[in-house]
Amino acid sequence: RVRRAGDRELPPLDKGVELVLYRVAQEALTNVVRHARATEARLTLRASPREIELTVADDGRGLGDAPEGAGLRGMRERALLIGAHLSLGTAPGGGTEIRLTAPLTTRPSPPSPRLHEGAGVT
């Protein structure tokens, strides 16, 4: 089960920011289904005058010692492309929490050499 929370109305978003929010939410929820053994996930969107924050948290088994996989690396690469910050940690009460804090408009970062090798963003 997925619960949604946050601001009912969001400001207009830059198309790049909108796409990264969508893809990070998609990958985070996919990870919940594949790995977390969770009974519930929470997706929260909140905006301030300068930035938007996406949080996906679950009540599953947590991160453990598993190495970072391609999905998490891809989320980090996408965040960098728009000048956002992605954090990964333990959710309140257990489980995993992924938080993306992004500017409302894109501030591109220098391209990563890995992007040119075909890794990361798809």
PDB file of N, CA and C in Angstrom:
ATOM      1  N   ARG A   1       0.849  -1.179   0.000  1.00  0.00           N
ATOM      2  CA  ARG A   1       0.000   0.000   0.000  1.00  0.00           C
ATOM      3  C   ARG A   1       0.891   1.237   0.000  1.00  0.00           C
ATOM      4  N   VAL A   2       0.512   2.224  -0.804  1.00  0.00           N
ATOM      5  CA  VAL A   2       1.249   3.490  -0.874  1.00  0.00           C
ATOM      6  C   VAL A   2       0.338   4.606  -0.385  1.00  0.00           C
ATOM      7  N   ARG A   3       0.854   5.394   0.552  1.00  0.00           N
ATOM      8  CA  ARG A   3       0.136   6.579   1.038  1.00  0.00           C
ATOM      9  C   ARG A   3       0.824   7.808   0.475  1.00  0.00           C
ATOM     10  N   ARG A   4       0.025   8.771   0.059  1.00  0.00           N
ATOM     11  CA  ARG A   4       0.552  10.024  -0.460  1.00  0.00           C
ATOM     12  C   ARG A   4       0.244  11.126   0.534  1.00  0.00           C
ATOM     13  N   ALA A   5       1.205  12.012   0.730  1.00  0.00           N
ATOM     14  CA  ALA A   5       1.014  13.146   1.629  1.00  0.00           C
ATOM     15  C   ALA A   5       1.746  14.347   1.047  1.00  0.00           C
ATOM     16  N   GLY A   6       1.527  15.492   1.661  1.00  0.00           N
ATOM     17  CA  GLY A   6       2.251  16.687   1.238  1.00  0.00           C
ATOM     18  C   GLY A   6       1.327  17.788   0.797  1.00  0.00           C
ATOM     19  N   ASP A   7       1.913  18.729   0.086  1.00  0.00           N
ATOM     20  CA  ASP A   7       1.175  19.893  -0.382  1.00  0.00           C
ATOM     21  C   ASP A   7       0.163  19.487  -1.447  1.00  0.00           C
ATOM     22  N   ARG A   8      -1.055  20.006  -1.317  1.00  0.00           N
ATOM     23  CA  ARG A   8      -2.094  19.702  -2.309  1.00  0.00           C
ATOM     24  C   ARG A   8      -1.814  20.391  -3.639  1.00  0.00           C
ATOM     25  N   GLU A   9      -1.310  21.598  -3.568  1.00  0.00           N
ATOM     26  CA  GLU A   9      -0.985  22.328  -4.794  1.00  0.00           C
ATOM     27  C   GLU A   9       0.499  22.613  -4.805  1.00  0.00           C
ATOM     28  N   LEU A  10       1.108  22.328  -5.928  1.00  0.00           N
ATOM     29  CA  LEU A  10       2.536  22.560  -6.093  1.00  0.00           C
ATOM     30  C   LEU A  10       2.754  23.677  -7.100  1.00  0.00           C
ATOM     31  N   PRO A  11       3.860  24.387  -6.972  1.00  0.00           N
ATOM     32  CA  PRO A  11       4.146  25.441  -7.946  1.00  0.00           C
ATOM     33  C   PRO A  11       4.480  24.829  -9.297  1.00  0.00           C
ATOM     34  N   PRO A  12       4.418  25.633 -10.353  1.00  0.00           N
ATOM     35  CA  PRO A  12       4.850  25.125 -11.658  1.00  0.00           C
ATOM     36  C   PRO A  12       6.311  24.679 -11.566  1.00  0.00           C
ATOM     37  N   LEU A  13       6.614  23.561 -12.185  1.00  0.00           N
ATOM     38  CA  LEU A  13       7.962  23.012 -12.120  1.00  0.00           C
ATOM     39  C   LEU A  13       8.631  23.043 -13.477  1.00  0.00           C
ATOM     40  N   ASP A  14       9.918  23.252 -13.466  1.00  0.00           N
ATOM     41  CA  ASP A  14      10.738  23.118 -14.652  1.00  0.00           C
ATOM     42  C   ASP A  14      10.578  21.676 -15.158  1.00  0.00           C
ATOM     43  N   LYS A  15      10.517  21.482 -16.451  1.00  0.00           N
ATOM     44  CA  LYS A  15      10.288  20.135 -17.008  1.00  0.00           C
ATOM     45  C   LYS A  15      11.370  19.147 -16.579  1.00  0.00           C
ATOM     46  N   GLY A  16      12.623  19.615 -16.486  1.00  0.00           N
ATOM     47  CA  GLY A  16      13.699  18.737 -16.039  1.00  0.00           C
ATOM     48  C   GLY A  16      13.499  18.287 -14.606  1.00  0.00           C
ATOM     49  N   VAL A  17      13.088  19.200 -13.743  1.00  0.00           N
ATOM     50  CA  VAL A  17      12.822  18.878 -12.338  1.00  0.00           C
ATOM     51  C   VAL A  17      11.652  17.906 -12.246  1.00  0.00           C
ATOM     52  N   GLU A  18      10.613  18.177 -13.013  1.00  0.00           N
ATOM     53  CA  GLU A  18       9.430  17.312 -13.015  1.00  0.00           C
ATOM     54  C   GLU A  18       9.794  15.877 -13.402  1.00  0.00           C
ATOM     55  N   LEU A  19      10.611  15.739 -14.439  1.00  0.00           N
ATOM     56  CA  LEU A  19      11.006  14.410 -14.901  1.00  0.00           C
ATOM     57  C   LEU A  19      11.850  13.687 -13.850  1.00  0.00           C
ATOM     58  N   VAL A  20      12.788  14.388 -13.230  1.00  0.00           N
ATOM     59  CA  VAL A  20      13.627  13.755 -12.208  1.00  0.00           C
ATOM     60  C   VAL A  20      12.783  13.345 -11.002  1.00  0.00           C
ATOM     61  N   LEU A  21      11.860  14.187 -10.566  1.00  0.00           N
ATOM     62  CA  LEU A  21      10.966  13.816  -9.461  1.00  0.00           C
ATOM     63  C   LEU A  21      10.206  12.534  -9.795  1.00  0.00           C
ATOM     64  N   TYR A  22       9.665  12.473 -10.989  1.00  0.00           N
ATOM     65  CA  TYR A  22       8.903  11.301 -11.417  1.00  0.00           C
ATOM     66  C   TYR A  22       9.777  10.047 -11.425  1.00  0.00           C
ATOM     67  N   ARG A  23      10.953  10.150 -12.033  1.00  0.00           N
ATOM     68  CA  ARG A  23      11.830   8.979 -12.161  1.00  0.00           C
ATOM     69  C   ARG A  23      12.380   8.513 -10.811  1.00  0.00           C
ATOM     70  N   VAL A  24      12.721   9.450  -9.933  1.00  0.00           N
ATOM     71  CA  VAL A  24      13.210   9.061  -8.609  1.00  0.00           C
ATOM     72  C   VAL A  24      12.084   8.400  -7.814  1.00  0.00           C
ATOM     73  N   ALA A  25      10.878   8.956  -7.866  1.00  0.00           N
ATOM     74  CA  ALA A  25       9.740   8.332  -7.180  1.00  0.00           C
ATOM     75  C   ALA A  25       9.487   6.934  -7.737  1.00  0.00           C
ATOM     76  N   GLN A  26       9.536   6.804  -9.047  1.00  0.00           N
ATOM     77  CA  GLN A  26       9.312   5.515  -9.701  1.00  0.00           C
ATOM     78  C   GLN A  26      10.348   4.483  -9.238  1.00  0.00           C
ATOM     79  N   GLU A  27      11.617   4.854  -9.255  1.00  0.00           N
ATOM     80  CA  GLU A  27      12.677   3.924  -8.861  1.00  0.00           C
ATOM     81  C   GLU A  27      12.605   3.595  -7.372  1.00  0.00           C
ATOM     82  N   ALA A  28      12.335   4.605  -6.544  1.00  0.00           N
ATOM     83  CA  ALA A  28      12.248   4.371  -5.100  1.00  0.00           C
ATOM     84  C   ALA A  28      11.105   3.408  -4.771  1.00  0.00           C
ATOM     85  N   LEU A  29       9.951   3.594  -5.406  1.00  0.00           N
ATOM     86  CA  LEU A  29       8.818   2.693  -5.156  1.00  0.00           C
ATOM     87  C   LEU A  29       9.088   1.295  -5.715  1.00  0.00           C
ATOM     88  N   THR A  30       9.792   1.223  -6.834  1.00  0.00           N
ATOM     89  CA  THR A  30      10.191  -0.076  -7.375  1.00  0.00           C
ATOM     90  C   THR A  30      11.092  -0.804  -6.385  1.00  0.00           C
ATOM     91  N   ASN A  31      12.026  -0.063  -5.775  1.00  0.00           N
ATOM     92  CA  ASN A  31      12.910  -0.669  -4.778  1.00  0.00           C
ATOM     93  C   ASN A  31      12.134  -1.163  -3.558  1.00  0.00           C
ATOM     94  N   VAL A  32      11.102  -0.425  -3.160  1.00  0.00           N
ATOM     95  CA  VAL A  32      10.267  -0.875  -2.037  1.00  0.00           C
ATOM     96  C   VAL A  32       9.655  -2.236  -2.374  1.00  0.00           C
ATOM     97  N   VAL A  33       9.092  -2.351  -3.570  1.00  0.00           N
ATOM     98  CA  VAL A  33       8.438  -3.602  -3.975  1.00  0.00           C
ATOM     99  C   VAL A  33       9.453  -4.740  -4.078  1.00  0.00           C
ATOM    100  N   ARG A  34      10.608  -4.472  -4.672  1.00  0.00           N
ATOM    101  CA  ARG A  34      11.595  -5.527  -4.923  1.00  0.00           C
ATOM    102  C   ARG A  34      12.389  -5.954  -3.694  1.00  0.00           C
ATOM    103  N   HIS A  35      12.706  -5.001  -2.809  1.00  0.00           N
ATOM    104  CA  HIS A  35      13.698  -5.294  -1.781  1.00  0.00           C
ATOM    105  C   HIS A  35      13.251  -5.113  -0.332  1.00  0.00           C
ATOM    106  N   ALA A  36      12.269  -4.275  -0.069  1.00  0.00           N
ATOM    107  CA  ALA A  36      12.013  -3.838   1.307  1.00  0.00           C
ATOM    108  C   ALA A  36      11.225  -4.815   2.169  1.00  0.00           C
ATOM    109  N   ARG A  37      10.415  -5.658   1.545  1.00  0.00           N
ATOM    110  CA  ARG A  37       9.480  -6.494   2.306  1.00  0.00           C
ATOM    111  C   ARG A  37       8.599  -5.618   3.200  1.00  0.00           C
ATOM    112  N   ALA A  38       8.177  -4.507   2.656  1.00  0.00           N
ATOM    113  CA  ALA A  38       7.377  -3.525   3.403  1.00  0.00           C
ATOM    114  C   ALA A  38       5.890  -3.815   3.257  1.00  0.00           C
ATOM    115  N   THR A  39       5.128  -3.352   4.232  1.00  0.00           N
ATOM    116  CA  THR A  39       3.672  -3.414   4.131  1.00  0.00           C
ATOM    117  C   THR A  39       3.105  -2.070   3.693  1.00  0.00           C
ATOM    118  N   GLU A  40       3.920  -1.014   3.824  1.00  0.00           N
ATOM    119  CA  GLU A  40       3.442   0.320   3.454  1.00  0.00           C
ATOM    120  C   GLU A  40       4.608   1.191   3.002  1.00  0.00           C
ATOM    121  N   ALA A  41       4.331   2.043   2.021  1.00  0.00           N
ATOM    122  CA  ALA A  41       5.274   3.071   1.581  1.00  0.00           C
ATOM    123  C   ALA A  41       4.553   4.412   1.637  1.00  0.00           C
ATOM    124  N   ARG A  42       5.298   5.459   1.938  1.00  0.00           N
ATOM    125  CA  ARG A  42       4.745   6.815   1.990  1.00  0.00           C
ATOM    126  C   ARG A  42       5.501   7.691   1.005  1.00  0.00           C
ATOM    127  N   LEU A  43       4.773   8.366   0.147  1.00  0.00           N
ATOM    128  CA  LEU A  43       5.345   9.298  -0.813  1.00  0.00           C
ATOM    129  C   LEU A  43       4.870  10.693  -0.425  1.00  0.00           C
ATOM    130  N   THR A  44       5.810  11.595  -0.173  1.00  0.00           N
ATOM    131  CA  THR A  44       5.476  12.947   0.262  1.00  0.00           C
ATOM    132  C   THR A  44       6.138  13.959  -0.657  1.00  0.00           C
ATOM    133  N   LEU A  45       5.378  14.961  -1.085  1.00  0.00           N
ATOM    134  CA  LEU A  45       5.894  16.082  -1.878  1.00  0.00           C
ATOM    135  C   LEU A  45       5.580  17.370  -1.143  1.00  0.00           C
ATOM    136  N   ARG A  46       6.611  18.173  -0.891  1.00  0.00           N
ATOM    137  CA  ARG A  46       6.435  19.479  -0.242  1.00  0.00           C
ATOM    138  C   ARG A  46       7.265  20.501  -0.998  1.00  0.00           C
ATOM    139  N   ALA A  47       6.705  21.703  -1.122  1.00  0.00           N
ATOM    140  CA  ALA A  47       7.405  22.771  -1.837  1.00  0.00           C
ATOM    141  C   ALA A  47       7.577  23.984  -0.943  1.00  0.00           C
ATOM    142  N   SER A  48       8.685  24.671  -1.139  1.00  0.00           N
ATOM    143  CA  SER A  48       8.935  25.970  -0.520  1.00  0.00           C
ATOM    144  C   SER A  48       9.111  26.950  -1.679  1.00  0.00           C
ATOM    145  N   PRO A  49       9.321  28.216  -1.410  1.00  0.00           N
ATOM    146  CA  PRO A  49       9.471  29.157  -2.525  1.00  0.00           C
ATOM    147  C   PRO A  49      10.627  28.838  -3.477  1.00  0.00           C
ATOM    148  N   ARG A  50      11.648  28.132  -2.995  1.00  0.00           N
ATOM    149  CA  ARG A  50      12.820  27.879  -3.833  1.00  0.00           C
ATOM    150  C   ARG A  50      13.038  26.428  -4.235  1.00  0.00           C
ATOM    151  N   GLU A  51      12.458  25.497  -3.487  1.00  0.00           N
ATOM    152  CA  GLU A  51      12.754  24.097  -3.771  1.00  0.00           C
ATOM    153  C   GLU A  51      11.550  23.198  -3.513  1.00  0.00           C
ATOM    154  N   ILE A  52      11.701  21.976  -4.001  1.00  0.00           N
ATOM    155  CA  ILE A  52      10.681  20.956  -3.788  1.00  0.00           C
ATOM    156  C   ILE A  52      11.370  19.740  -3.192  1.00  0.00           C
ATOM    157  N   GLU A  53      10.659  19.066  -2.297  1.00  0.00           N
ATOM    158  CA  GLU A  53      11.235  17.902  -1.634  1.00  0.00           C
ATOM    159  C   GLU A  53      10.323  16.699  -1.837  1.00  0.00           C
ATOM    160  N   LEU A  54      10.908  15.623  -2.317  1.00  0.00           N
ATOM    161  CA  LEU A  54      10.233  14.344  -2.486  1.00  0.00           C
ATOM    162  C   LEU A  54      10.814  13.383  -1.459  1.00  0.00           C
ATOM    163  N   THR A  55       9.950  12.736  -0.702  1.00  0.00           N
ATOM    164  CA  THR A  55      10.398  11.713   0.243  1.00  0.00           C
ATOM    165  C   THR A  55       9.612  10.439  -0.022  1.00  0.00           C
ATOM    166  N   VAL A  56      10.327   9.333  -0.140  1.00  0.00           N
ATOM    167  CA  VAL A  56       9.707   8.015  -0.228  1.00  0.00           C
ATOM    168  C   VAL A  56      10.261   7.208   0.939  1.00  0.00           C
ATOM    169  N   ALA A  57       9.383   6.778   1.833  1.00  0.00           N
ATOM    170  CA  ALA A  57       9.786   6.016   3.015  1.00  0.00           C
ATOM    171  C   ALA A  57       8.937   4.757   3.109  1.00  0.00           C
ATOM    172  N   ASP A  58       9.531   3.702   3.664  1.00  0.00           N
ATOM    173  CA  ASP A  58       8.784   2.458   3.834  1.00  0.00           C
ATOM    174  C   ASP A  58       8.984   1.909   5.238  1.00  0.00           C
ATOM    175  N   ASP A  59       8.198   0.903   5.575  1.00  0.00           N
ATOM    176  CA  ASP A  59       8.301   0.265   6.889  1.00  0.00           C
ATOM    177  C   ASP A  59       8.937  -1.115   6.775  1.00  0.00           C
ATOM    178  N   GLY A  60       9.781  -1.280   5.785  1.00  0.00           N
ATOM    179  CA  GLY A  60      10.390  -2.580   5.510  1.00  0.00           C
ATOM    180  C   GLY A  60      11.621  -2.877   6.340  1.00  0.00           C
ATOM    181  N   ARG A  61      12.468  -3.724   5.785  1.00  0.00           N
ATOM    182  CA  ARG A  61      13.611  -4.256   6.531  1.00  0.00           C
ATOM    183  C   ARG A  61      14.813  -3.324   6.592  1.00  0.00           C
ATOM    184  N   GLY A  62      14.774  -2.198   5.920  1.00  0.00           N
ATOM    185  CA  GLY A  62      15.880  -1.245   5.987  1.00  0.00           C
ATOM    186  C   GLY A  62      16.992  -1.552   5.006  1.00  0.00           C
ATOM    187  N   LEU A  63      18.038  -0.764   5.097  1.00  0.00           N
ATOM    188  CA  LEU A  63      19.130  -0.857   4.138  1.00  0.00           C
ATOM    189  C   LEU A  63      20.045  -2.048   4.357  1.00  0.00           C
ATOM    190  N   GLY A  64      20.318  -2.378   5.594  1.00  0.00           N
ATOM    191  CA  GLY A  64      21.251  -3.463   5.863  1.00  0.00           C
ATOM    192  C   GLY A  64      22.631  -3.129   5.321  1.00  0.00           C
ATOM    193  N   ASP A  65      23.359  -4.151   4.935  1.00  0.00           N
ATOM    194  CA  ASP A  65      24.720  -3.966   4.420  1.00  0.00           C
ATOM    195  C   ASP A  65      24.793  -4.129   2.910  1.00  0.00           C
ATOM    196  N   ALA A  66      23.656  -4.107   2.250  1.00  0.00           N
ATOM    197  CA  ALA A  66      23.637  -4.308   0.803  1.00  0.00           C
ATOM    198  C   ALA A  66      24.380  -3.179   0.099  1.00  0.00           C
ATOM    199  N   PRO A  67      25.170  -3.515  -0.917  1.00  0.00           N
ATOM    200  CA  PRO A  67      25.856  -2.463  -1.676  1.00  0.00           C
ATOM    201  C   PRO A  67      24.851  -1.642  -2.480  1.00  0.00           C
ATOM    202  N   GLU A  68      25.231  -0.425  -2.809  1.00  0.00           N
ATOM    203  CA  GLU A  68      24.358   0.442  -3.603  1.00  0.00           C
ATOM    204  C   GLU A  68      24.253  -0.119  -5.010  1.00  0.00           C
ATOM    205  N   GLY A  69      23.024  -0.312  -5.465  1.00  0.00           N
ATOM    206  CA  GLY A  69      22.803  -0.887  -6.777  1.00  0.00           C
ATOM    207  C   GLY A  69      22.648   0.163  -7.865  1.00  0.00           C
ATOM    208  N   ALA A  70      22.373  -0.309  -9.061  1.00  0.00           N
ATOM    209  CA  ALA A  70      22.246   0.571 -10.221  1.00  0.00           C
ATOM    210  C   ALA A  70      21.095   1.555 -10.073  1.00  0.00           C
ATOM    211  N   GLY A  71      20.008   1.139  -9.426  1.00  0.00           N
ATOM    212  CA  GLY A  71      18.864   2.031  -9.256  1.00  0.00           C
ATOM    213  C   GLY A  71      19.204   3.248  -8.418  1.00  0.00           C
ATOM    214  N   LEU A  72      19.892   3.035  -7.301  1.00  0.00           N
ATOM    215  CA  LEU A  72      20.295   4.158  -6.441  1.00  0.00           C
ATOM    216  C   LEU A  72      21.332   5.036  -7.131  1.00  0.00           C
ATOM    217  N   ARG A  73      22.267   4.418  -7.829  1.00  0.00           N
ATOM    218  CA  ARG A  73      23.255   5.218  -8.579  1.00  0.00           C
ATOM    219  C   ARG A  73      22.556   6.073  -9.632  1.00  0.00           C
ATOM    220  N   GLY A  74      21.564   5.490 -10.301  1.00  0.00           N
ATOM    221  CA  GLY A  74      20.814   6.241 -11.302  1.00  0.00           C
ATOM    222  C   GLY A  74      20.065   7.419 -10.696  1.00  0.00           C
ATOM    223  N   MET A  75      19.482   7.217  -9.505  1.00  0.00           N
ATOM    224  CA  MET A  75      18.792   8.322  -8.828  1.00  0.00           C
ATOM    225  C   MET A  75      19.779   9.433  -8.484  1.00  0.00           C
ATOM    226  N   ARG A  76      20.967   9.062  -8.010  1.00  0.00           N
ATOM    227  CA  ARG A  76      21.985  10.076  -7.681  1.00  0.00           C
ATOM    228  C   ARG A  76      22.417  10.849  -8.927  1.00  0.00           C
ATOM    229  N   GLU A  77      22.618  10.145 -10.023  1.00  0.00           N
ATOM    230  CA  GLU A  77      23.003  10.800 -11.283  1.00  0.00           C
ATOM    231  C   GLU A  77      21.917  11.768 -11.749  1.00  0.00           C
ATOM    232  N   ARG A  78      20.675  11.349 -11.676  1.00  0.00           N
ATOM    233  CA  ARG A  78      19.573  12.226 -12.079  1.00  0.00           C
ATOM    234  C   ARG A  78      19.529  13.471 -11.206  1.00  0.00           C
ATOM    235  N   ALA A  79      19.723  13.296  -9.902  1.00  0.00           N
ATOM    236  CA  ALA A  79      19.720  14.440  -8.985  1.00  0.00           C
ATOM    237  C   ALA A  79      20.814  15.435  -9.370  1.00  0.00           C
ATOM    238  N   LEU A  80      21.999  14.940  -9.656  1.00  0.00           N
ATOM    239  CA  LEU A  80      23.109  15.817 -10.038  1.00  0.00           C
ATOM    240  C   LEU A  80      22.793  16.627 -11.289  1.00  0.00           C
ATOM    241  N   LEU A  81      22.086  16.025 -12.216  1.00  0.00           N
ATOM    242  CA  LEU A  81      21.776  16.704 -13.475  1.00  0.00           C
ATOM    243  C   LEU A  81      20.958  17.974 -13.284  1.00  0.00           C
ATOM    244  N   ILE A  82      20.194  18.059 -12.208  1.00  0.00           N
ATOM    245  CA  ILE A  82      19.362  19.251 -11.984  1.00  0.00           C
ATOM    246  C   ILE A  82      19.806  20.056 -10.765  1.00  0.00           C
ATOM    247  N   GLY A  83      20.974  19.726 -10.214  1.00  0.00           N
ATOM    248  CA  GLY A  83      21.460  20.459  -9.052  1.00  0.00           C
ATOM    249  C   GLY A  83      20.729  20.114  -7.772  1.00  0.00           C
ATOM    250  N   ALA A  84      20.209  18.899  -7.681  1.00  0.00           N
ATOM    251  CA  ALA A  84      19.456  18.450  -6.504  1.00  0.00           C
ATOM    252  C   ALA A  84      20.352  17.631  -5.582  1.00  0.00           C
ATOM    253  N   HIS A  85      19.835  17.360  -4.389  1.00  0.00           N
ATOM    254  CA  HIS A  85      20.544  16.532  -3.411  1.00  0.00           C
ATOM    255  C   HIS A  85      19.680  15.316  -3.098  1.00  0.00           C
ATOM    256  N   LEU A  86      20.281  14.140  -3.137  1.00  0.00           N
ATOM    257  CA  LEU A  86      19.584  12.901  -2.812  1.00  0.00           C
ATOM    258  C   LEU A  86      20.220  12.305  -1.563  1.00  0.00           C
ATOM    259  N   SER A  87      19.394  11.986  -0.578  1.00  0.00           N
ATOM    260  CA  SER A  87      19.910  11.331   0.624  1.00  0.00           C
ATOM    261  C   SER A  87      19.162  10.028   0.848  1.00  0.00           C
ATOM    262  N   LEU A  88      19.838   9.111   1.478  1.00  0.00           N
ATOM    263  CA  LEU A  88      19.317   7.779   1.728  1.00  0.00           C
ATOM    264  C   LEU A  88      19.600   7.448   3.184  1.00  0.00           C
ATOM    265  N   GLY A  89      18.592   6.976   3.904  1.00  0.00           N
ATOM    266  CA  GLY A  89      18.807   6.656   5.306  1.00  0.00           C
ATOM    267  C   GLY A  89      17.695   5.794   5.861  1.00  0.00           C
ATOM    268  N   THR A  90      17.668   5.727   7.181  1.00  0.00           N
ATOM    269  CA  THR A  90      16.653   4.945   7.879  1.00  0.00           C
ATOM    270  C   THR A  90      15.420   5.808   8.115  1.00  0.00           C
ATOM    271  N   ALA A  91      14.265   5.274   7.781  1.00  0.00           N
ATOM    272  CA  ALA A  91      12.999   5.987   7.984  1.00  0.00           C
ATOM    273  C   ALA A  91      12.650   5.987   9.468  1.00  0.00           C
ATOM    274  N   PRO A  92      11.910   7.002   9.918  1.00  0.00           N
ATOM    275  CA  PRO A  92      11.440   6.991  11.307  1.00  0.00           C
ATOM    276  C   PRO A  92      10.645   5.707  11.573  1.00  0.00           C
ATOM    277  N   GLY A  93      11.006   4.993  12.606  1.00  0.00           N
ATOM    278  CA  GLY A  93      10.317   3.746  12.918  1.00  0.00           C
ATOM    279  C   GLY A  93      10.875   2.538  12.195  1.00  0.00           C
ATOM    280  N   GLY A  94      11.923   2.710  11.401  1.00  0.00           N
ATOM    281  CA  GLY A  94      12.528   1.607  10.666  1.00  0.00           C
ATOM    282  C   GLY A  94      12.220   1.699   9.190  1.00  0.00           C
ATOM    283  N   GLY A  95      12.819   0.846   8.418  1.00  0.00           N
ATOM    284  CA  GLY A  95      12.649   0.901   6.975  1.00  0.00           C
ATOM    285  C   GLY A  95      13.660   1.841   6.347  1.00  0.00           C
ATOM    286  N   THR A  96      13.387   2.236   5.130  1.00  0.00           N
ATOM    287  CA  THR A  96      14.297   3.081   4.357  1.00  0.00           C
ATOM    288  C   THR A  96      13.600   4.365   3.963  1.00  0.00           C
ATOM    289  N   GLU A  97      14.376   5.443   3.895  1.00  0.00           N
ATOM    290  CA  GLU A  97      13.855   6.732   3.441  1.00  0.00           C
ATOM    291  C   GLU A  97      14.794   7.298   2.385  1.00  0.00           C
ATOM    292  N   ILE A  98      14.223   7.677   1.265  1.00  0.00           N
ATOM    293  CA  ILE A  98      14.955   8.364   0.200  1.00  0.00           C
ATOM    294  C   ILE A  98      14.363   9.753   0.098  1.00  0.00           C
ATOM    295  N   ARG A  99      15.247  10.755   0.132  1.00  0.00           N
ATOM    296  CA  ARG A  99      14.790  12.150   0.088  1.00  0.00           C
ATOM    297  C   ARG A  99      15.542  12.882  -1.025  1.00  0.00           C
ATOM    298  N   LEU A 100      14.772  13.502  -1.909  1.00  0.00           N
ATOM    299  CA  LEU A 100      15.327  14.317  -2.986  1.00  0.00           C
ATOM    300  C   LEU A 100      14.909  15.754  -2.737  1.00  0.00           C
ATOM    301  N   THR A 101      15.877  16.648  -2.644  1.00  0.00           N
ATOM    302  CA  THR A 101      15.602  18.073  -2.497  1.00  0.00           C
ATOM    303  C   THR A 101      16.121  18.752  -3.751  1.00  0.00           C
ATOM    304  N   ALA A 102      15.207  19.353  -4.507  1.00  0.00           N
ATOM    305  CA  ALA A 102      15.551  19.904  -5.817  1.00  0.00           C
ATOM    306  C   ALA A 102      15.127  21.360  -5.923  1.00  0.00           C
ATOM    307  N   PRO A 103      15.902  22.151  -6.669  1.00  0.00           N
ATOM    308  CA  PRO A 103      15.470  23.520  -6.947  1.00  0.00           C
ATOM    309  C   PRO A 103      14.240  23.482  -7.848  1.00  0.00           C
ATOM    310  N   LEU A 104      13.428  24.526  -7.774  1.00  0.00           N
ATOM    311  CA  LEU A 104      12.240  24.564  -8.638  1.00  0.00           C
ATOM    312  C   LEU A 104      12.613  24.717 -10.105  1.00  0.00           C
ATOM    313  N   THR A 105      13.768  25.295 -10.369  1.00  0.00           N
ATOM    314  CA  THR A 105      14.276  25.378 -11.742  1.00  0.00           C
ATOM    315  C   THR A 105      15.635  24.704 -11.773  1.00  0.00           C
ATOM    316  N   THR A 106      15.996  24.156 -12.911  1.00  0.00           N
ATOM    317  CA  THR A 106      17.236  23.388 -12.993  1.00  0.00           C
ATOM    318  C   THR A 106      18.457  24.286 -12.945  1.00  0.00           C
ATOM    319  N   ARG A 107      19.479  23.763 -12.269  1.00  0.00           N
ATOM    320  CA  ARG A 107      20.815  24.357 -12.260  1.00  0.00           C
ATOM    321  C   ARG A 107      21.742  23.227 -12.672  1.00  0.00           C
ATOM    322  N   PRO A 108      21.995  23.100 -13.955  1.00  0.00           N
ATOM    323  CA  PRO A 108      22.764  21.940 -14.403  1.00  0.00           C
ATOM    324  C   PRO A 108      24.148  21.893 -13.772  1.00  0.00           C
ATOM    325  N   SER A 109      24.583  20.695 -13.441  1.00  0.00           N
ATOM    326  CA  SER A 109      25.938  20.491 -12.951  1.00  0.00           C
ATOM    327  C   SER A 109      26.794  20.024 -14.118  1.00  0.00           C
ATOM    328  N   PRO A 110      28.116  20.079 -13.964  1.00  0.00           N
ATOM    329  CA  PRO A 110      28.967  19.576 -15.045  1.00  0.00           C
ATOM    330  C   PRO A 110      28.655  18.111 -15.302  1.00  0.00           C
ATOM    331  N   PRO A 111      28.689  17.689 -16.555  1.00  0.00           N
ATOM    332  CA  PRO A 111      28.361  16.295 -16.859  1.00  0.00           C
ATOM    333  C   PRO A 111      29.368  15.342 -16.227  1.00  0.00           C
ATOM    334  N   SER A 112      28.863  14.234 -15.764  1.00  0.00           N
ATOM    335  CA  SER A 112      29.705  13.187 -15.204  1.00  0.00           C
ATOM    336  C   SER A 112      30.316  12.391 -16.344  1.00  0.00           C
ATOM    337  N   PRO A 113      31.589  12.019 -16.235  1.00  0.00           N
ATOM    338  CA  PRO A 113      32.187  11.192 -17.295  1.00  0.00           C
ATOM    339  C   PRO A 113      31.426   9.893 -17.498  1.00  0.00           C
ATOM    340  N   ARG A 114      30.824   9.358 -16.417  1.00  0.00           N
ATOM    341  CA  ARG A 114      30.074   8.107 -16.535  1.00  0.00           C
ATOM    342  C   ARG A 114      28.867   8.251 -17.440  1.00  0.00           C
ATOM    343  N   LEU A 115      28.290   9.447 -17.507  1.00  0.00           N
ATOM    344  CA  LEU A 115      27.123   9.631 -18.371  1.00  0.00           C
ATOM    345  C   LEU A 115      27.496   9.412 -19.826  1.00  0.00           C
ATOM    346  N   HIS A 116      28.702   9.793 -20.176  1.00  0.00           N
ATOM    347  CA  HIS A 116      29.136   9.639 -21.560  1.00  0.00           C
ATOM    348  C   HIS A 116      29.487   8.194 -21.895  1.00  0.00           C
ATOM    349  N   GLU A 117      29.658   7.380 -20.867  1.00  0.00           N
ATOM    350  CA  GLU A 117      29.959   5.971 -21.078  1.00  0.00           C
ATOM    351  C   GLU A 117      28.695   5.125 -21.148  1.00  0.00           C
ATOM    352  N   GLY A 118      27.521   5.775 -21.038  1.00  0.00           N
ATOM    353  CA  GLY A 118      26.270   5.047 -21.131  1.00  0.00           C
ATOM    354  C   GLY A 118      25.746   4.533 -19.806  1.00  0.00           C
ATOM    355  N   ALA A 119      26.399   4.854 -18.700  1.00  0.00           N
ATOM    356  CA  ALA A 119      25.923   4.410 -17.383  1.00  0.00           C
ATOM    357  C   ALA A 119      25.095   5.501 -16.743  1.00  0.00           C
ATOM    358  N   GLY A 120      24.299   5.139 -15.760  1.00  0.00           N
ATOM    359  CA  GLY A 120      23.566   6.143 -14.978  1.00  0.00           C
ATOM    360  C   GLY A 120      22.198   6.434 -15.525  1.00  0.00           C
ATOM    361  N   VAL A 121      22.044   7.557 -16.191  1.00  0.00           N
ATOM    362  CA  VAL A 121      20.734   8.031 -16.623  1.00  0.00           C
ATOM    363  C   VAL A 121      20.307   7.321 -17.894  1.00  0.00           C
ATOM    364  N   THR A 122      19.046   6.885 -17.912  1.00  0.00           N
ATOM    365  CA  THR A 122      18.498   6.266 -19.120  1.00  0.00           C
ATOM    366  C   THR A 122      17.273   7.001 -19.554  1.00  0.00           C
TER     367      THR A 122
END
